[in-house]
Amino acid sequence: MSPKPKAHTERISTFLSAEQHEKLKAEAEKKGLTVSGLIRLIILEYLGQ
């Protein structure tokens, strides 16, 4: 069974150092988010959306 497609989204991937990932993970936990959710939030704030 494949995951349910989400409207208006595209999957991307990027590479981070272990240190960068740990910093994002810690920040995400403080905000009650996943790392993916935090990155999405950062991008949307940057783009002003």
N, C-alpha and C. Protein backbone atom coordinates (compact mmCIF):
# COMPACT_ATOMS: atom_id res chain seq x y z
N MET A 1 0.85 -1.18 0.00
CA MET A 1 0.00 0.00 0.00
C MET A 1 0.90 1.24 0.00
N SER A 2 0.70 2.13 -0.93
CA SER A 2 1.52 3.34 -1.00
C SER A 2 0.90 4.44 -0.15
N PRO A 3 1.73 5.41 0.30
CA PRO A 3 1.20 6.49 1.12
C PRO A 3 0.20 7.35 0.35
N LYS A 4 -0.74 7.92 1.08
CA LYS A 4 -1.75 8.78 0.49
C LYS A 4 -1.08 10.02 -0.10
N PRO A 5 -1.32 10.35 -1.38
CA PRO A 5 -0.70 11.54 -1.96
C PRO A 5 -1.27 12.80 -1.32
N LYS A 6 -0.39 13.76 -1.07
CA LYS A 6 -0.80 15.03 -0.49
C LYS A 6 -0.92 16.06 -1.58
N ALA A 7 -1.95 16.87 -1.51
CA ALA A 7 -2.18 17.89 -2.52
C ALA A 7 -1.12 19.00 -2.40
N HIS A 8 -0.66 19.46 -3.52
CA HIS A 8 0.24 20.62 -3.60
C HIS A 8 1.55 20.42 -2.85
N THR A 9 2.09 19.23 -2.86
CA THR A 9 3.39 19.00 -2.22
C THR A 9 4.31 18.27 -3.17
N GLU A 10 5.58 18.47 -2.97
CA GLU A 10 6.61 17.73 -3.69
C GLU A 10 7.67 17.33 -2.70
N ARG A 11 8.15 16.12 -2.85
CA ARG A 11 9.19 15.63 -1.95
C ARG A 11 10.55 16.09 -2.47
N ILE A 12 11.37 16.59 -1.56
CA ILE A 12 12.75 16.93 -1.89
C ILE A 12 13.65 16.28 -0.85
N SER A 13 14.91 16.18 -1.16
CA SER A 13 15.85 15.66 -0.16
C SER A 13 17.10 16.51 -0.19
N THR A 14 17.78 16.53 0.93
CA THR A 14 19.01 17.31 1.05
C THR A 14 19.94 16.58 2.01
N PHE A 15 21.16 16.98 2.03
CA PHE A 15 22.14 16.36 2.90
C PHE A 15 22.58 17.35 3.96
N LEU A 16 22.64 16.88 5.21
CA LEU A 16 23.08 17.69 6.34
C LEU A 16 24.18 16.95 7.07
N SER A 17 25.03 17.70 7.75
CA SER A 17 26.02 17.05 8.59
C SER A 17 25.31 16.51 9.83
N ALA A 18 25.94 15.61 10.53
CA ALA A 18 25.35 15.06 11.75
C ALA A 18 25.10 16.18 12.76
N GLU A 19 25.99 17.14 12.84
CA GLU A 19 25.85 18.26 13.78
C GLU A 19 24.64 19.13 13.41
N GLN A 20 24.47 19.42 12.13
CA GLN A 20 23.32 20.21 11.69
C GLN A 20 22.02 19.48 11.98
N HIS A 21 22.00 18.18 11.70
CA HIS A 21 20.80 17.39 11.95
C HIS A 21 20.46 17.38 13.44
N GLU A 22 21.44 17.22 14.29
CA GLU A 22 21.19 17.20 15.73
C GLU A 22 20.65 18.54 16.22
N LYS A 23 21.18 19.65 15.69
CA LYS A 23 20.69 20.98 16.08
C LYS A 23 19.24 21.16 15.65
N LEU A 24 18.92 20.74 14.43
CA LEU A 24 17.53 20.84 13.96
C LEU A 24 16.62 19.94 14.77
N LYS A 25 17.09 18.76 15.09
CA LYS A 25 16.29 17.80 15.86
C LYS A 25 15.97 18.37 17.25
N ALA A 26 16.96 18.98 17.90
CA ALA A 26 16.76 19.56 19.22
C ALA A 26 15.76 20.72 19.15
N GLU A 27 15.89 21.57 18.15
CA GLU A 27 14.98 22.71 17.98
C GLU A 27 13.57 22.22 17.68
N ALA A 28 13.45 21.21 16.85
CA ALA A 28 12.14 20.64 16.52
C ALA A 28 11.46 20.08 17.77
N GLU A 29 12.22 19.39 18.59
CA GLU A 29 11.65 18.81 19.82
C GLU A 29 11.15 19.91 20.74
N LYS A 30 11.89 21.01 20.84
CA LYS A 30 11.46 22.13 21.69
C LYS A 30 10.12 22.70 21.23
N LYS A 31 9.91 22.70 19.91
CA LYS A 31 8.69 23.27 19.34
C LYS A 31 7.58 22.23 19.15
N GLY A 32 7.86 20.98 19.48
CA GLY A 32 6.87 19.93 19.32
C GLY A 32 6.64 19.56 17.86
N LEU A 33 7.69 19.68 17.05
CA LEU A 33 7.61 19.38 15.62
C LEU A 33 8.56 18.25 15.26
N THR A 34 8.39 17.75 14.05
CA THR A 34 9.40 16.84 13.49
C THR A 34 10.46 17.71 12.81
N VAL A 35 11.58 17.12 12.48
CA VAL A 35 12.60 17.87 11.74
C VAL A 35 12.05 18.33 10.40
N SER A 36 11.32 17.47 9.74
CA SER A 36 10.71 17.83 8.46
C SER A 36 9.75 19.01 8.62
N GLY A 37 8.93 18.96 9.67
CA GLY A 37 7.99 20.05 9.92
C GLY A 37 8.70 21.36 10.22
N LEU A 38 9.79 21.28 10.99
CA LEU A 38 10.58 22.48 11.30
C LEU A 38 11.19 23.07 10.04
N ILE A 39 11.75 22.23 9.18
CA ILE A 39 12.35 22.71 7.93
C ILE A 39 11.28 23.37 7.06
N ARG A 40 10.11 22.76 7.00
CA ARG A 40 9.00 23.33 6.23
C ARG A 40 8.62 24.70 6.79
N LEU A 41 8.53 24.82 8.12
CA LEU A 41 8.22 26.08 8.78
C LEU A 41 9.27 27.14 8.46
N ILE A 42 10.54 26.78 8.54
CA ILE A 42 11.63 27.71 8.25
C ILE A 42 11.52 28.21 6.82
N ILE A 43 11.27 27.32 5.89
CA ILE A 43 11.18 27.71 4.47
C ILE A 43 9.98 28.62 4.24
N LEU A 44 8.82 28.27 4.82
CA LEU A 44 7.63 29.10 4.63
C LEU A 44 7.83 30.50 5.25
N GLU A 45 8.48 30.57 6.40
CA GLU A 45 8.77 31.88 7.00
C GLU A 45 9.72 32.67 6.11
N TYR A 46 10.73 32.01 5.58
CA TYR A 46 11.71 32.66 4.71
C TYR A 46 11.03 33.22 3.45
N LEU A 47 10.11 32.45 2.91
CA LEU A 47 9.41 32.87 1.70
C LEU A 47 8.25 33.84 1.98
N GLY A 48 7.96 34.04 3.27
CA GLY A 48 6.90 34.97 3.64
C GLY A 48 5.51 34.46 3.35
N GLN A 49 5.31 33.17 3.49
CA GLN A 49 4.00 32.57 3.18
C GLN A 49 3.38 32.08 4.43
